[in-house]
Amino acid sequence: MAAKFELYQDKAGEYRFRLKAGNGEIILTGEGYTTKAACNNGIESVKKNAPDDARYEKKESASGKFSFSLKAGNHQVIGVSQSYSSTSGRDNGIASVKKNAPEASVNDLTD
């Protein structure tokens, strides 16, 4: 199964996206958007920025968990990862986003 973006509406009515790897695991989640068009723009921004190492901010929480954010050229966060128990897990997550996001299809679950 190929990687894909899922575009959906949350309980508050906001449009959101998540990037799923080929195995179905969520590897990146976007923020809430007020319109579907803005959410689609967010997806396009992920596709454009994903290959660039400089767009990733690696983080470590106080509890010893690791995560990352993907940022656009204007330094706005456009996607966040899950928490990982190791730096290698986080780095594998980044590699997966870099590999999968640019060519991922969009599955619109709001239709």
PDB file of N, CA and C in Angstrom:
ATOM      1  N   MET A   1       0.843  -1.186   0.000  1.00  0.00           N
ATOM      2  CA  MET A   1       0.000   0.000   0.000  1.00  0.00           C
ATOM      3  C   MET A   1       0.888   1.249   0.000  1.00  0.00           C
ATOM      4  N   ALA A   2       0.577   2.196  -0.840  1.00  0.00           N
ATOM      5  CA  ALA A   2       1.356   3.430  -0.937  1.00  0.00           C
ATOM      6  C   ALA A   2       0.947   4.405   0.163  1.00  0.00           C
ATOM      7  N   ALA A   3       1.845   5.316   0.479  1.00  0.00           N
ATOM      8  CA  ALA A   3       1.555   6.357   1.465  1.00  0.00           C
ATOM      9  C   ALA A   3       0.453   7.263   0.937  1.00  0.00           C
ATOM     10  N   LYS A   4      -0.302   7.853   1.871  1.00  0.00           N
ATOM     11  CA  LYS A   4      -1.379   8.759   1.456  1.00  0.00           C
ATOM     12  C   LYS A   4      -1.671   9.773   2.551  1.00  0.00           C
ATOM     13  N   PHE A   5      -2.166  10.908   2.123  1.00  0.00           N
ATOM     14  CA  PHE A   5      -2.711  11.901   3.029  1.00  0.00           C
ATOM     15  C   PHE A   5      -4.195  11.606   3.189  1.00  0.00           C
ATOM     16  N   GLU A   6      -4.687  11.690   4.401  1.00  0.00           N
ATOM     17  CA  GLU A   6      -6.124  11.632   4.640  1.00  0.00           C
ATOM     18  C   GLU A   6      -6.562  13.011   5.100  1.00  0.00           C
ATOM     19  N   LEU A   7      -7.532  13.571   4.387  1.00  0.00           N
ATOM     20  CA  LEU A   7      -8.110  14.862   4.734  1.00  0.00           C
ATOM     21  C   LEU A   7      -9.444  14.571   5.403  1.00  0.00           C
ATOM     22  N   TYR A   8      -9.647  15.093   6.604  1.00  0.00           N
ATOM     23  CA  TYR A   8     -10.873  14.790   7.347  1.00  0.00           C
ATOM     24  C   TYR A   8     -11.321  15.997   8.155  1.00  0.00           C
ATOM     25  N   GLN A   9     -12.537  15.935   8.674  1.00  0.00           N
ATOM     26  CA  GLN A   9     -13.065  16.976   9.547  1.00  0.00           C
ATOM     27  C   GLN A   9     -13.140  16.428  10.958  1.00  0.00           C
ATOM     28  N   ASP A  10     -12.643  17.221  11.932  1.00  0.00           N
ATOM     29  CA  ASP A  10     -12.693  16.772  13.322  1.00  0.00           C
ATOM     30  C   ASP A  10     -14.039  17.134  13.949  1.00  0.00           C
ATOM     31  N   LYS A  11     -14.196  16.783  15.216  1.00  0.00           N
ATOM     32  CA  LYS A  11     -15.479  17.016  15.903  1.00  0.00           C
ATOM     33  C   LYS A  11     -15.826  18.487  16.017  1.00  0.00           C
ATOM     34  N   ALA A  12     -14.812  19.346  15.999  1.00  0.00           N
ATOM     35  CA  ALA A  12     -15.043  20.791  16.091  1.00  0.00           C
ATOM     36  C   ALA A  12     -15.357  21.403  14.729  1.00  0.00           C
ATOM     37  N   GLY A  13     -15.327  20.580  13.657  1.00  0.00           N
ATOM     38  CA  GLY A  13     -15.629  21.072  12.323  1.00  0.00           C
ATOM     39  C   GLY A  13     -14.422  21.580  11.555  1.00  0.00           C
ATOM     40  N   GLU A  14     -13.225  21.466  12.147  1.00  0.00           N
ATOM     41  CA  GLU A  14     -12.018  21.904  11.455  1.00  0.00           C
ATOM     42  C   GLU A  14     -11.533  20.813  10.500  1.00  0.00           C
ATOM     43  N   TYR A  15     -10.906  21.270   9.421  1.00  0.00           N
ATOM     44  CA  TYR A  15     -10.326  20.343   8.451  1.00  0.00           C
ATOM     45  C   TYR A  15      -8.895  20.028   8.883  1.00  0.00           C
ATOM     46  N   ARG A  16      -8.533  18.767   8.817  1.00  0.00           N
ATOM     47  CA  ARG A  16      -7.207  18.320   9.229  1.00  0.00           C
ATOM     48  C   ARG A  16      -6.694  17.292   8.234  1.00  0.00           C
ATOM     49  N   PHE A  17      -5.386  17.063   8.288  1.00  0.00           N
ATOM     50  CA  PHE A  17      -4.814  15.987   7.483  1.00  0.00           C
ATOM     51  C   PHE A  17      -3.846  15.178   8.317  1.00  0.00           C
ATOM     52  N   ARG A  18      -3.674  13.950   7.897  1.00  0.00           N
ATOM     53  CA  ARG A  18      -2.645  13.085   8.468  1.00  0.00           C
ATOM     54  C   ARG A  18      -1.988  12.347   7.312  1.00  0.00           C
ATOM     55  N   LEU A  19      -0.693  12.157   7.421  1.00  0.00           N
ATOM     56  CA  LEU A  19       0.065  11.403   6.421  1.00  0.00           C
ATOM     57  C   LEU A  19       0.274  10.009   6.973  1.00  0.00           C
ATOM     58  N   LYS A  20      -0.186   9.019   6.209  1.00  0.00           N
ATOM     59  CA  LYS A  20      -0.028   7.632   6.616  1.00  0.00           C
ATOM     60  C   LYS A  20       0.991   6.951   5.718  1.00  0.00           C
ATOM     61  N   ALA A  21       1.885   6.192   6.340  1.00  0.00           N
ATOM     62  CA  ALA A  21       2.862   5.400   5.591  1.00  0.00           C
ATOM     63  C   ALA A  21       2.140   4.238   4.925  1.00  0.00           C
ATOM     64  N   GLY A  22       2.865   3.521   4.086  1.00  0.00           N
ATOM     65  CA  GLY A  22       2.288   2.382   3.378  1.00  0.00           C
ATOM     66  C   GLY A  22       1.738   1.313   4.296  1.00  0.00           C
ATOM     67  N   ASN A  23       2.261   1.228   5.538  1.00  0.00           N
ATOM     68  CA  ASN A  23       1.776   0.225   6.490  1.00  0.00           C
ATOM     69  C   ASN A  23       0.572   0.720   7.290  1.00  0.00           C
ATOM     70  N   GLY A  24       0.094   1.937   6.976  1.00  0.00           N
ATOM     71  CA  GLY A  24      -1.080   2.481   7.645  1.00  0.00           C
ATOM     72  C   GLY A  24      -0.771   3.304   8.884  1.00  0.00           C
ATOM     73  N   GLU A  25       0.486   3.361   9.285  1.00  0.00           N
ATOM     74  CA  GLU A  25       0.864   4.121  10.471  1.00  0.00           C
ATOM     75  C   GLU A  25       0.897   5.607  10.167  1.00  0.00           C
ATOM     76  N   ILE A  26       0.354   6.408  11.088  1.00  0.00           N
ATOM     77  CA  ILE A  26       0.368   7.865  10.926  1.00  0.00           C
ATOM     78  C   ILE A  26       1.769   8.374  11.216  1.00  0.00           C
ATOM     79  N   ILE A  27       2.361   9.079  10.250  1.00  0.00           N
ATOM     80  CA  ILE A  27       3.727   9.579  10.427  1.00  0.00           C
ATOM     81  C   ILE A  27       3.793  11.104  10.534  1.00  0.00           C
ATOM     82  N   LEU A  28       2.705  11.802  10.218  1.00  0.00           N
ATOM     83  CA  LEU A  28       2.673  13.260  10.347  1.00  0.00           C
ATOM     84  C   LEU A  28       1.223  13.700  10.443  1.00  0.00           C
ATOM     85  N   THR A  29       0.959  14.679  11.311  1.00  0.00           N
ATOM     86  CA  THR A  29      -0.389  15.205  11.499  1.00  0.00           C
ATOM     87  C   THR A  29      -0.352  16.712  11.350  1.00  0.00           C
ATOM     88  N   GLY A  30      -1.338  17.247  10.644  1.00  0.00           N
ATOM     89  CA  GLY A  30      -1.417  18.690  10.453  1.00  0.00           C
ATOM     90  C   GLY A  30      -2.288  19.352  11.494  1.00  0.00           C
ATOM     91  N   GLU A  31      -2.252  20.685  11.502  1.00  0.00           N
ATOM     92  CA  GLU A  31      -3.084  21.478  12.405  1.00  0.00           C
ATOM     93  C   GLU A  31      -4.516  21.550  11.868  1.00  0.00           C
ATOM     94  N   GLY A  32      -5.390  22.189  12.617  1.00  0.00           N
ATOM     95  CA  GLY A  32      -6.756  22.383  12.170  1.00  0.00           C
ATOM     96  C   GLY A  32      -6.876  23.595  11.271  1.00  0.00           C
ATOM     97  N   TYR A  33      -7.654  23.472  10.210  1.00  0.00           N
ATOM     98  CA  TYR A  33      -7.890  24.573   9.256  1.00  0.00           C
ATOM     99  C   TYR A  33      -9.386  24.852   9.189  1.00  0.00           C
ATOM    100  N   THR A  34      -9.753  26.109   8.941  1.00  0.00           N
ATOM    101  CA  THR A  34     -11.166  26.471   8.891  1.00  0.00           C
ATOM    102  C   THR A  34     -11.819  26.100   7.570  1.00  0.00           C
ATOM    103  N   THR A  35     -11.019  25.951   6.496  1.00  0.00           N
ATOM    104  CA  THR A  35     -11.579  25.591   5.198  1.00  0.00           C
ATOM    105  C   THR A  35     -10.831  24.405   4.602  1.00  0.00           C
ATOM    106  N   LYS A  36     -11.510  23.687   3.734  1.00  0.00           N
ATOM    107  CA  LYS A  36     -10.880  22.562   3.053  1.00  0.00           C
ATOM    108  C   LYS A  36      -9.754  23.050   2.143  1.00  0.00           C
ATOM    109  N   ALA A  37      -9.945  24.198   1.510  1.00  0.00           N
ATOM    110  CA  ALA A  37      -8.910  24.749   0.624  1.00  0.00           C
ATOM    111  C   ALA A  37      -7.630  25.033   1.403  1.00  0.00           C
ATOM    112  N   ALA A  38      -7.755  25.597   2.600  1.00  0.00           N
ATOM    113  CA  ALA A  38      -6.578  25.875   3.419  1.00  0.00           C
ATOM    114  C   ALA A  38      -5.892  24.570   3.827  1.00  0.00           C
ATOM    115  N   CYS A  39      -6.658  23.554   4.128  1.00  0.00           N
ATOM    116  CA  CYS A  39      -6.096  22.250   4.484  1.00  0.00           C
ATOM    117  C   CYS A  39      -5.338  21.655   3.293  1.00  0.00           C
ATOM    118  N   ASN A  40      -5.919  21.749   2.111  1.00  0.00           N
ATOM    119  CA  ASN A  40      -5.229  21.272   0.903  1.00  0.00           C
ATOM    120  C   ASN A  40      -3.927  22.036   0.670  1.00  0.00           C
ATOM    121  N   ASN A  41      -3.929  23.341   0.969  1.00  0.00           N
ATOM    122  CA  ASN A  41      -2.694  24.125   0.870  1.00  0.00           C
ATOM    123  C   ASN A  41      -1.652  23.606   1.851  1.00  0.00           C
ATOM    124  N   GLY A  42      -2.093  23.213   3.050  1.00  0.00           N
ATOM    125  CA  GLY A  42      -1.190  22.633   4.036  1.00  0.00           C
ATOM    126  C   GLY A  42      -0.565  21.349   3.528  1.00  0.00           C
ATOM    127  N   ILE A  43      -1.367  20.505   2.894  1.00  0.00           N
ATOM    128  CA  ILE A  43      -0.862  19.252   2.318  1.00  0.00           C
ATOM    129  C   ILE A  43       0.181  19.544   1.242  1.00  0.00           C
ATOM    130  N   GLU A  44      -0.119  20.502   0.370  1.00  0.00           N
ATOM    131  CA  GLU A  44       0.832  20.867  -0.685  1.00  0.00           C
ATOM    132  C   GLU A  44       2.130  21.410  -0.089  1.00  0.00           C
ATOM    133  N   SER A  45       2.027  22.147   0.995  1.00  0.00           N
ATOM    134  CA  SER A  45       3.215  22.673   1.659  1.00  0.00           C
ATOM    135  C   SER A  45       4.062  21.537   2.241  1.00  0.00           C
ATOM    136  N   VAL A  46       3.409  20.518   2.800  1.00  0.00           N
ATOM    137  CA  VAL A  46       4.143  19.349   3.304  1.00  0.00           C
ATOM    138  C   VAL A  46       4.876  18.674   2.140  1.00  0.00           C
ATOM    139  N   LYS A  47       4.167  18.463   1.034  1.00  0.00           N
ATOM    140  CA  LYS A  47       4.784  17.806  -0.127  1.00  0.00           C
ATOM    141  C   LYS A  47       6.014  18.579  -0.602  1.00  0.00           C
ATOM    142  N   LYS A  48       5.920  19.907  -0.613  1.00  0.00           N
ATOM    143  CA  LYS A  48       7.007  20.754  -1.111  1.00  0.00           C
ATOM    144  C   LYS A  48       8.185  20.786  -0.136  1.00  0.00           C
ATOM    145  N   ASN A  49       7.905  20.857   1.161  1.00  0.00           N
ATOM    146  CA  ASN A  49       8.959  21.047   2.152  1.00  0.00           C
ATOM    147  C   ASN A  49       9.553  19.758   2.710  1.00  0.00           C
ATOM    148  N   ALA A  50       8.862  18.642   2.542  1.00  0.00           N
ATOM    149  CA  ALA A  50       9.298  17.377   3.140  1.00  0.00           C
ATOM    150  C   ALA A  50      10.723  16.953   2.761  1.00  0.00           C
ATOM    151  N   PRO A  51      11.169  17.119   1.515  1.00  0.00           N
ATOM    152  CA  PRO A  51      12.514  16.648   1.164  1.00  0.00           C
ATOM    153  C   PRO A  51      13.663  17.449   1.787  1.00  0.00           C
ATOM    154  N   ASP A  52      13.395  18.612   2.349  1.00  0.00           N
ATOM    155  CA  ASP A  52      14.439  19.532   2.815  1.00  0.00           C
ATOM    156  C   ASP A  52      14.771  19.285   4.291  1.00  0.00           C
ATOM    157  N   ASP A  53      15.979  18.781   4.556  1.00  0.00           N
ATOM    158  CA  ASP A  53      16.421  18.512   5.936  1.00  0.00           C
ATOM    159  C   ASP A  53      16.277  19.725   6.849  1.00  0.00           C
ATOM    160  N   ALA A  54      16.509  20.911   6.313  1.00  0.00           N
ATOM    161  CA  ALA A  54      16.487  22.125   7.122  1.00  0.00           C
ATOM    162  C   ALA A  54      15.094  22.464   7.639  1.00  0.00           C
ATOM    163  N   ARG A  55      14.065  21.836   7.083  1.00  0.00           N
ATOM    164  CA  ARG A  55      12.683  22.138   7.486  1.00  0.00           C
ATOM    165  C   ARG A  55      12.231  21.336   8.717  1.00  0.00           C
ATOM    166  N   TYR A  56      13.066  20.436   9.207  1.00  0.00           N
ATOM    167  CA  TYR A  56      12.696  19.592  10.344  1.00  0.00           C
ATOM    168  C   TYR A  56      13.295  20.121  11.636  1.00  0.00           C
ATOM    169  N   GLU A  57      12.463  20.208  12.659  1.00  0.00           N
ATOM    170  CA  GLU A  57      12.930  20.558  13.991  1.00  0.00           C
ATOM    171  C   GLU A  57      12.777  19.326  14.877  1.00  0.00           C
ATOM    172  N   LYS A  58      13.896  18.830  15.359  1.00  0.00           N
ATOM    173  CA  LYS A  58      13.898  17.653  16.228  1.00  0.00           C
ATOM    174  C   LYS A  58      13.720  18.103  17.670  1.00  0.00           C
ATOM    175  N   LYS A  59      12.886  17.355  18.407  1.00  0.00           N
ATOM    176  CA  LYS A  59      12.567  17.745  19.777  1.00  0.00           C
ATOM    177  C   LYS A  59      12.738  16.567  20.727  1.00  0.00           C
ATOM    178  N   GLU A  60      12.995  16.901  22.003  1.00  0.00           N
ATOM    179  CA  GLU A  60      13.002  15.910  23.068  1.00  0.00           C
ATOM    180  C   GLU A  60      12.191  16.472  24.224  1.00  0.00           C
ATOM    181  N   SER A  61      11.237  15.688  24.719  1.00  0.00           N
ATOM    182  CA  SER A  61      10.388  16.148  25.816  1.00  0.00           C
ATOM    183  C   SER A  61      11.094  15.933  27.158  1.00  0.00           C
ATOM    184  N   ALA A  62      10.559  16.544  28.188  1.00  0.00           N
ATOM    185  CA  ALA A  62      11.115  16.393  29.535  1.00  0.00           C
ATOM    186  C   ALA A  62      11.036  14.942  30.011  1.00  0.00           C
ATOM    187  N   SER A  63      10.086  14.195  29.454  1.00  0.00           N
ATOM    188  CA  SER A  63       9.919  12.795  29.862  1.00  0.00           C
ATOM    189  C   SER A  63      10.767  11.830  29.031  1.00  0.00           C
ATOM    190  N   GLY A  64      11.631  12.374  28.157  1.00  0.00           N
ATOM    191  CA  GLY A  64      12.536  11.526  27.397  1.00  0.00           C
ATOM    192  C   GLY A  64      11.962  10.953  26.117  1.00  0.00           C
ATOM    193  N   LYS A  65      10.886  11.540  25.621  1.00  0.00           N
ATOM    194  CA  LYS A  65      10.309  11.120  24.343  1.00  0.00           C
ATOM    195  C   LYS A  65      10.824  12.047  23.250  1.00  0.00           C
ATOM    196  N   PHE A  66      10.833  11.548  22.020  1.00  0.00           N
ATOM    197  CA  PHE A  66      11.389  12.290  20.892  1.00  0.00           C
ATOM    198  C   PHE A  66      10.311  12.506  19.835  1.00  0.00           C
ATOM    199  N   SER A  67      10.365  13.656  19.177  1.00  0.00           N
ATOM    200  CA  SER A  67       9.396  13.978  18.128  1.00  0.00           C
ATOM    201  C   SER A  67      10.045  14.968  17.163  1.00  0.00           C
ATOM    202  N   PHE A  68       9.277  15.343  16.149  1.00  0.00           N
ATOM    203  CA  PHE A  68       9.753  16.362  15.208  1.00  0.00           C
ATOM    204  C   PHE A  68       8.597  17.162  14.665  1.00  0.00           C
ATOM    205  N   SER A  69       8.926  18.354  14.192  1.00  0.00           N
ATOM    206  CA  SER A  69       7.982  19.217  13.485  1.00  0.00           C
ATOM    207  C   SER A  69       8.536  19.467  12.099  1.00  0.00           C
ATOM    208  N   LEU A  70       7.637  19.589  11.130  1.00  0.00           N
ATOM    209  CA  LEU A  70       8.007  20.006   9.781  1.00  0.00           C
ATOM    210  C   LEU A  70       7.540  21.439   9.614  1.00  0.00           C
ATOM    211  N   LYS A  71       8.460  22.311   9.185  1.00  0.00           N
ATOM    212  CA  LYS A  71       8.138  23.724   9.057  1.00  0.00           C
ATOM    213  C   LYS A  71       8.215  24.170   7.603  1.00  0.00           C
ATOM    214  N   ALA A  72       7.393  25.147   7.276  1.00  0.00           N
ATOM    215  CA  ALA A  72       7.418  25.760   5.949  1.00  0.00           C
ATOM    216  C   ALA A  72       8.564  26.765   5.893  1.00  0.00           C
ATOM    217  N   GLY A  73       8.766  27.352   4.729  1.00  0.00           N
ATOM    218  CA  GLY A  73       9.816  28.340   4.539  1.00  0.00           C
ATOM    219  C   GLY A  73       9.673  29.550   5.448  1.00  0.00           C
ATOM    220  N   ASN A  74       8.453  29.858   5.870  1.00  0.00           N
ATOM    221  CA  ASN A  74       8.218  31.001   6.766  1.00  0.00           C
ATOM    222  C   ASN A  74       8.328  30.605   8.240  1.00  0.00           C
ATOM    223  N   HIS A  75       8.803  29.387   8.499  1.00  0.00           N
ATOM    224  CA  HIS A  75       9.022  28.841   9.842  1.00  0.00           C
ATOM    225  C   HIS A  75       7.742  28.472  10.582  1.00  0.00           C
ATOM    226  N   GLN A  76       6.597  28.476   9.904  1.00  0.00           N
ATOM    227  CA  GLN A  76       5.351  28.014  10.500  1.00  0.00           C
ATOM    228  C   GLN A  76       5.342  26.489  10.510  1.00  0.00           C
ATOM    229  N   VAL A  77       4.882  25.907  11.613  1.00  0.00           N
ATOM    230  CA  VAL A  77       4.776  24.456  11.691  1.00  0.00           C
ATOM    231  C   VAL A  77       3.620  24.002  10.806  1.00  0.00           C
ATOM    232  N   ILE A  78       3.888  23.030   9.927  1.00  0.00           N
ATOM    233  CA  ILE A  78       2.833  22.512   9.045  1.00  0.00           C
ATOM    234  C   ILE A  78       2.498  21.057   9.352  1.00  0.00           C
ATOM    235  N   GLY A  79       3.296  20.429  10.191  1.00  0.00           N
ATOM    236  CA  GLY A  79       3.000  19.055  10.580  1.00  0.00           C
ATOM    237  C   GLY A  79       3.845  18.640  11.764  1.00  0.00           C
ATOM    238  N   VAL A  80       3.290  17.756  12.589  1.00  0.00           N
ATOM    239  CA  VAL A  80       3.999  17.245  13.758  1.00  0.00           C
ATOM    240  C   VAL A  80       3.936  15.725  13.765  1.00  0.00           C
ATOM    241  N   SER A  81       4.944  15.138  14.377  1.00  0.00           N
ATOM    242  CA  SER A  81       5.020  13.679  14.456  1.00  0.00           C
ATOM    243  C   SER A  81       4.382  13.178  15.740  1.00  0.00           C
ATOM    244  N   GLN A  82       4.304  11.883  15.827  1.00  0.00           N
ATOM    245  CA  GLN A  82       3.955  11.230  17.078  1.00  0.00           C
ATOM    246  C   GLN A  82       5.178  11.284  17.990  1.00  0.00           C
ATOM    247  N   SER A  83       5.055  10.758  19.197  1.00  0.00           N
ATOM    248  CA  SER A  83       6.208  10.626  20.096  1.00  0.00           C
ATOM    249  C   SER A  83       6.891   9.295  19.851  1.00  0.00           C
ATOM    250  N   TYR A  84       8.200   9.324  19.890  1.00  0.00           N
ATOM    251  CA  TYR A  84       9.009   8.123  19.709  1.00  0.00           C
ATOM    252  C   TYR A  84       9.817   7.882  20.983  1.00  0.00           C
ATOM    253  N   SER A  85      10.152   6.626  21.239  1.00  0.00           N
ATOM    254  CA  SER A  85      10.909   6.293  22.441  1.00  0.00           C
ATOM    255  C   SER A  85      12.409   6.436  22.248  1.00  0.00           C
ATOM    256  N   SER A  86      12.858   6.640  21.011  1.00  0.00           N
ATOM    257  CA  SER A  86      14.294   6.763  20.744  1.00  0.00           C
ATOM    258  C   SER A  86      14.557   7.784  19.646  1.00  0.00           C
ATOM    259  N   THR A  87      15.795   8.262  19.600  1.00  0.00           N
ATOM    260  CA  THR A  87      16.171   9.189  18.532  1.00  0.00           C
ATOM    261  C   THR A  87      16.158   8.481  17.187  1.00  0.00           C
ATOM    262  N   SER A  88      16.516   7.200  17.173  1.00  0.00           N
ATOM    263  CA  SER A  88      16.509   6.471  15.898  1.00  0.00           C
ATOM    264  C   SER A  88      15.086   6.314  15.372  1.00  0.00           C
ATOM    265  N   GLY A  89      14.116   6.104  16.260  1.00  0.00           N
ATOM    266  CA  GLY A  89      12.716   6.030  15.841  1.00  0.00           C
ATOM    267  C   GLY A  89      12.261   7.339  15.231  1.00  0.00           C
ATOM    268  N   ARG A  90      12.623   8.450  15.892  1.00  0.00           N
ATOM    269  CA  ARG A  90      12.276   9.779  15.366  1.00  0.00           C
ATOM    270  C   ARG A  90      12.938  10.011  14.011  1.00  0.00           C
ATOM    271  N   ASP A  91      14.210   9.664  13.911  1.00  0.00           N
ATOM    272  CA  ASP A  91      14.923   9.884  12.657  1.00  0.00           C
ATOM    273  C   ASP A  91      14.358   9.016  11.529  1.00  0.00           C
ATOM    274  N   ASN A  92      13.915   7.814  11.855  1.00  0.00           N
ATOM    275  CA  ASN A  92      13.237   6.964  10.863  1.00  0.00           C
ATOM    276  C   ASN A  92      11.912   7.589  10.439  1.00  0.00           C
ATOM    277  N   GLY A  93      11.218   8.238  11.379  1.00  0.00           N
ATOM    278  CA  GLY A  93       9.976   8.939  11.052  1.00  0.00           C
ATOM    279  C   GLY A  93      10.221  10.070  10.071  1.00  0.00           C
ATOM    280  N   ILE A  94      11.270  10.834  10.304  1.00  0.00           N
ATOM    281  CA  ILE A  94      11.633  11.922   9.384  1.00  0.00           C
ATOM    282  C   ILE A  94      11.948  11.357   8.002  1.00  0.00           C
ATOM    283  N   ALA A  95      12.739  10.279   7.972  1.00  0.00           N
ATOM    284  CA  ALA A  95      13.093   9.659   6.686  1.00  0.00           C
ATOM    285  C   ALA A  95      11.844   9.190   5.949  1.00  0.00           C
ATOM    286  N   SER A  96      10.875   8.675   6.694  1.00  0.00           N
ATOM    287  CA  SER A  96       9.633   8.196   6.078  1.00  0.00           C
ATOM    288  C   SER A  96       8.826   9.350   5.487  1.00  0.00           C
ATOM    289  N   VAL A  97       8.751  10.471   6.200  1.00  0.00           N
ATOM    290  CA  VAL A  97       8.038  11.644   5.672  1.00  0.00           C
ATOM    291  C   VAL A  97       8.748  12.154   4.419  1.00  0.00           C
ATOM    292  N   LYS A  98      10.085  12.249   4.478  1.00  0.00           N
ATOM    293  CA  LYS A  98      10.848  12.735   3.325  1.00  0.00           C
ATOM    294  C   LYS A  98      10.615  11.862   2.098  1.00  0.00           C
ATOM    295  N   LYS A  99      10.561  10.560   2.310  1.00  0.00           N
ATOM    296  CA  LYS A  99      10.394   9.615   1.213  1.00  0.00           C
ATOM    297  C   LYS A  99       8.956   9.583   0.689  1.00  0.00           C
ATOM    298  N   ASN A 100       7.990   9.596   1.595  1.00  0.00           N
ATOM    299  CA  ASN A 100       6.598   9.346   1.222  1.00  0.00           C
ATOM    300  C   ASN A 100       5.764  10.574   0.870  1.00  0.00           C
ATOM    301  N   ALA A 101       5.995  11.688   1.535  1.00  0.00           N
ATOM    302  CA  ALA A 101       5.105  12.845   1.370  1.00  0.00           C
ATOM    303  C   ALA A 101       5.052  13.401  -0.052  1.00  0.00           C
ATOM    304  N   PRO A 102       6.194  13.580  -0.734  1.00  0.00           N
ATOM    305  CA  PRO A 102       6.125  14.264  -2.035  1.00  0.00           C
ATOM    306  C   PRO A 102       5.204  13.604  -3.057  1.00  0.00           C
ATOM    307  N   GLU A 103       5.089  12.291  -3.043  1.00  0.00           N
ATOM    308  CA  GLU A 103       4.288  11.583  -4.048  1.00  0.00           C
ATOM    309  C   GLU A 103       2.988  11.003  -3.500  1.00  0.00           C
ATOM    310  N   ALA A 104       2.692  11.273  -2.214  1.00  0.00           N
ATOM    311  CA  ALA A 104       1.499  10.673  -1.601  1.00  0.00           C
ATOM    312  C   ALA A 104       0.218  11.225  -2.217  1.00  0.00           C
ATOM    313  N   SER A 105      -0.740  10.352  -2.408  1.00  0.00           N
ATOM    314  CA  SER A 105      -2.053  10.777  -2.895  1.00  0.00           C
ATOM    315  C   SER A 105      -2.851  11.366  -1.731  1.00  0.00           C
ATOM    316  N   VAL A 106      -3.963  12.022  -2.056  1.00  0.00           N
ATOM    317  CA  VAL A 106      -4.831  12.607  -1.042  1.00  0.00           C
ATOM    318  C   VAL A 106      -6.163  11.882  -1.067  1.00  0.00           C
ATOM    319  N   ASN A 107      -6.539  11.340   0.070  1.00  0.00           N
ATOM    320  CA  ASN A 107      -7.815  10.661   0.221  1.00  0.00           C
ATOM    321  C   ASN A 107      -8.726  11.601   1.030  1.00  0.00           C
ATOM    322  N   ASP A 108      -9.699  12.214   0.362  1.00  0.00           N
ATOM    323  CA  ASP A 108     -10.599  13.173   1.007  1.00  0.00           C
ATOM    324  C   ASP A 108     -11.738  12.405   1.667  1.00  0.00           C
ATOM    325  N   LEU A 109     -11.737  12.363   2.993  1.00  0.00           N
ATOM    326  CA  LEU A 109     -12.759  11.634   3.747  1.00  0.00           C
ATOM    327  C   LEU A 109     -13.968  12.506   4.081  1.00  0.00           C
ATOM    328  N   THR A 110     -13.979  13.749   3.578  1.00  0.00           N
ATOM    329  CA  THR A 110     -15.089  14.659   3.895  1.00  0.00           C
ATOM    330  C   THR A 110     -16.205  14.579   2.854  1.00  0.00           C
ATOM    331  N   ASP A 111     -15.959  13.921   1.737  1.00  0.00           N
ATOM    332  CA  ASP A 111     -16.973  13.844   0.666  1.00  0.00           C
ATOM    333  C   ASP A 111     -18.032  12.792   0.966  1.00  0.00           C
TER     334      ASP A 111
END
